[in-house]
């Protein structure tokens, strides 16, 4: 068997054989074949990005405008690219075009929203609330990536992508409230202080 077909077979087995027992000792494999502890900064960042992708999957279960649905599906694919970059130390997979697309989406979706003069509370409609949940998970993933970048360099595109995504998810929370016929839920400073 050739080296190439042997590598492809290993990849196929990795995806079809779920219970491997290789992580029982508290380590896990990275994409380059090396192993690291399951509590390492890299695995923490990978896990946060995975959770973010899962929460976006939850948001996709809601009634959404078609352009929002299409954008979120593309973002899920981008998050797999980001996870791939995170599991391959020293590899840069994320591209400037992915960051630029998020910036364009943010500009497009924000264009018709009223200017904010107050902070808003997460909530309103269920889809908006789930978008805000995605945003907070995204911020947590970003913090994990910043910690990892402090120890091992990550690409600028990966770091910019996760930052732009949290901005876009904030905008989507507002947009989805508006799409459901509701407005923003405004924070009332010191509402219960008296």
Protein backbone atom coordinates (compact mmCIF):
# COMPACT_ATOMS: atom_id res chain seq x y z
CA UNK A 1 0.00 0.00 0.00
CA UNK A 2 1.34 3.42 -0.91
CA UNK A 3 2.11 6.04 1.70
CA UNK A 4 -0.59 8.31 0.25
CA UNK A 5 -3.35 5.68 0.35
CA UNK A 6 -2.24 4.67 3.85
CA UNK A 7 -2.61 8.32 4.97
CA UNK A 8 -6.05 8.54 3.35
CA UNK A 9 -7.07 5.31 5.07
CA UNK A 10 -5.99 6.74 8.45
CA UNK A 11 -8.08 9.86 7.78
CA UNK A 12 -11.09 7.74 6.86
CA UNK A 13 -10.73 5.65 9.99
CA UNK A 14 -10.37 8.77 12.08
CA UNK A 15 -13.76 9.98 10.87
CA UNK A 16 -15.58 6.63 10.97
CA UNK A 17 -14.13 5.16 14.14
CA UNK A 18 -15.36 7.47 16.91
CA UNK A 19 -14.29 5.48 19.99
CA UNK A 20 -10.50 5.22 19.74
CA UNK A 21 -9.46 5.11 23.42
CA UNK A 22 -6.37 7.17 22.51
CA UNK A 23 -7.50 10.06 24.70
CA UNK A 24 -8.10 8.04 27.86
CA UNK A 25 -4.85 9.33 29.37
CA UNK A 26 -5.84 12.97 29.00
CA UNK A 27 -4.17 13.71 25.67
CA UNK A 28 -5.57 14.24 22.20
CA UNK A 29 -4.18 14.23 18.68
CA UNK A 30 -3.61 17.33 16.60
CA UNK A 31 -3.89 17.51 12.83
CA UNK A 32 -0.13 17.18 12.36
CA UNK A 33 -0.07 13.86 14.25
CA UNK A 34 1.38 15.27 17.48
CA UNK A 35 -0.40 14.90 20.80
CA UNK A 36 -1.17 17.49 23.45
CA UNK A 37 -3.03 17.57 26.75
CA UNK A 38 -6.78 18.06 26.62
CA UNK A 39 -6.46 21.12 28.84
CA UNK A 40 -3.84 22.85 26.68
CA UNK A 41 -4.41 26.38 25.40
CA UNK A 42 -4.72 25.02 21.85
CA UNK A 43 -7.40 22.46 22.72
CA UNK A 44 -9.23 25.07 24.78
CA UNK A 45 -9.38 27.38 21.74
CA UNK A 46 -10.46 24.52 19.45
CA UNK A 47 -13.22 23.61 21.91
CA UNK A 48 -14.48 27.19 22.15
CA UNK A 49 -14.64 27.48 18.35
CA UNK A 50 -16.47 24.14 18.22
CA UNK A 51 -18.99 25.37 20.80
CA UNK A 52 -19.46 28.55 18.80
CA UNK A 53 -20.20 26.52 15.67
CA UNK A 54 -22.71 24.45 17.66
CA UNK A 55 -24.52 27.54 18.95
CA UNK A 56 -24.70 28.88 15.39
CA UNK A 57 -26.24 25.52 14.48
CA UNK A 58 -28.83 26.16 17.18
CA UNK A 59 -29.53 29.61 15.73
CA UNK A 60 -30.02 28.01 12.31
CA UNK A 61 -32.94 26.00 13.79
CA UNK A 62 -34.87 29.27 14.17
CA UNK A 63 -36.98 31.09 11.57
CA UNK A 64 -34.47 33.38 9.88
CA UNK A 65 -34.44 35.70 6.87
CA UNK A 66 -32.83 33.90 3.92
CA UNK A 67 -29.76 36.21 3.72
CA UNK A 68 -29.04 35.63 7.42
CA UNK A 69 -29.41 31.86 7.02
CA UNK A 70 -27.03 31.85 4.03
CA UNK A 71 -24.47 33.96 5.91
CA UNK A 72 -24.57 31.69 8.97
CA UNK A 73 -24.12 28.55 6.88
CA UNK A 74 -21.04 30.11 5.25
CA UNK A 75 -19.76 31.08 8.69
CA UNK A 76 -20.08 27.49 9.90
CA UNK A 77 -17.80 26.39 7.06
CA UNK A 78 -15.37 29.20 7.95
CA UNK A 79 -15.35 28.05 11.56
CA UNK A 80 -14.29 24.58 10.41
CA UNK A 81 -11.44 26.26 8.51
CA UNK A 82 -10.53 28.10 11.71
CA UNK A 83 -10.66 24.86 13.70
CA UNK A 84 -8.39 23.30 11.09
CA UNK A 85 -5.91 26.12 11.51
CA UNK A 86 -6.02 25.75 15.28
CA UNK A 87 -5.38 22.00 15.13
CA UNK A 88 -2.36 22.42 12.85
CA UNK A 89 0.30 24.37 14.79
CA UNK A 90 2.08 26.88 12.56
CA UNK A 91 -0.44 26.53 9.72
CA UNK A 92 -2.36 29.53 8.36
CA UNK A 93 -5.64 28.50 6.71
CA UNK A 94 -7.87 31.55 7.23
CA UNK A 95 -7.77 34.06 4.37
CA UNK A 96 -8.29 37.82 4.15
CA UNK A 97 -11.34 37.16 1.93
CA UNK A 98 -13.10 35.46 4.86
CA UNK A 99 -12.50 38.49 7.08
CA UNK A 100 -13.58 40.89 4.32
CA UNK A 101 -16.79 38.93 3.78
CA UNK A 102 -17.71 39.34 7.47
CA UNK A 103 -17.03 43.09 7.23
CA UNK A 104 -19.26 43.34 4.14
CA UNK A 105 -22.03 41.37 5.85
CA UNK A 106 -21.81 43.58 8.94
CA UNK A 107 -22.07 46.70 6.81
CA UNK A 108 -25.00 45.32 4.79
CA UNK A 109 -26.98 44.03 7.78
CA UNK A 110 -26.32 47.15 9.86
CA UNK A 111 -27.21 49.63 7.10
CA UNK A 112 -30.96 49.88 7.88
CA UNK A 113 -30.77 49.51 11.66
CA UNK A 114 -31.39 52.61 13.76
CA UNK A 115 -28.33 54.19 15.39
CA UNK A 116 -27.77 52.96 18.92
CA UNK A 117 -27.79 55.55 21.70
CA UNK A 118 -27.98 53.11 24.62
CA UNK A 119 -26.63 49.68 25.43
CA UNK A 120 -29.03 46.86 24.63
CA UNK A 121 -29.96 43.77 26.58
CA UNK A 122 -29.69 40.35 24.97
CA UNK A 123 -33.21 39.19 24.25
CA UNK A 124 -36.39 40.26 22.57
CA UNK A 125 -37.23 37.49 20.13
CA UNK A 126 -35.91 33.98 20.52
CA UNK A 127 -33.72 34.16 17.36
CA UNK A 128 -32.21 37.44 18.59
CA UNK A 129 -31.52 35.95 22.02
CA UNK A 130 -29.78 32.96 20.41
CA UNK A 131 -27.72 35.32 18.23
CA UNK A 132 -26.58 37.10 21.40
CA UNK A 133 -25.71 33.73 22.95
CA UNK A 134 -23.60 33.02 19.84
CA UNK A 135 -21.95 36.43 20.27
CA UNK A 136 -20.94 35.72 23.87
CA UNK A 137 -19.58 32.29 22.97
CA UNK A 138 -17.67 33.96 20.12
CA UNK A 139 -16.12 36.44 22.56
CA UNK A 140 -15.08 33.53 24.78
CA UNK A 141 -13.52 31.78 21.78
CA UNK A 142 -11.67 35.00 20.98
CA UNK A 143 -10.30 35.19 24.53
CA UNK A 144 -9.08 31.58 24.25
CA UNK A 145 -7.40 32.41 20.94
CA UNK A 146 -5.73 35.49 22.45
CA UNK A 147 -4.35 33.34 25.28
CA UNK A 148 -3.06 30.81 22.75
CA UNK A 149 -1.54 33.57 20.61
CA UNK A 150 0.37 34.76 23.69
CA UNK A 151 2.10 31.36 23.76
CA UNK A 152 2.14 30.37 20.07
CA UNK A 153 1.59 32.64 17.09
CA UNK A 154 -1.78 32.49 15.33
CA UNK A 155 -2.40 34.09 11.96
CA UNK A 156 -3.64 37.65 11.87
CA UNK A 157 -6.56 36.53 9.67
CA UNK A 158 -7.70 34.00 12.28
CA UNK A 159 -7.62 36.63 15.02
CA UNK A 160 -9.37 39.25 12.89
CA UNK A 161 -12.01 36.76 11.75
CA UNK A 162 -13.12 35.85 15.27
CA UNK A 163 -13.23 39.52 16.27
CA UNK A 164 -15.31 40.52 13.24
CA UNK A 165 -17.65 37.59 13.79
CA UNK A 166 -18.65 38.76 17.27
CA UNK A 167 -19.46 42.19 15.82
CA UNK A 168 -21.59 40.59 13.11
CA UNK A 169 -23.45 38.43 15.65
CA UNK A 170 -24.29 41.57 17.67
CA UNK A 171 -25.72 43.15 14.52
CA UNK A 172 -27.67 39.98 13.74
CA UNK A 173 -29.23 40.06 17.21
CA UNK A 174 -30.56 43.54 16.45
CA UNK A 175 -31.60 42.60 12.93
CA UNK A 176 -33.48 39.50 14.08
CA UNK A 177 -35.42 41.50 16.67
CA UNK A 178 -36.41 43.92 13.95
CA UNK A 179 -37.35 41.06 11.60
CA UNK A 180 -39.67 39.68 14.27
CA UNK A 181 -41.42 43.04 14.64
CA UNK A 182 -39.64 44.02 17.85
CA UNK A 183 -37.06 46.65 18.52
CA UNK A 184 -33.96 46.58 20.65
CA UNK A 185 -34.34 45.84 24.36
CA UNK A 186 -32.68 48.91 25.84
CA UNK A 187 -30.73 48.89 29.08
CA UNK A 188 -32.12 51.27 31.68
CA UNK A 189 -29.28 52.49 33.87
CA UNK A 190 -29.91 52.04 37.60
CA UNK A 191 -33.46 50.80 36.84
CA UNK A 192 -33.68 48.90 40.13
CA UNK A 193 -31.34 51.01 42.22
CA UNK A 194 -34.03 53.00 43.98
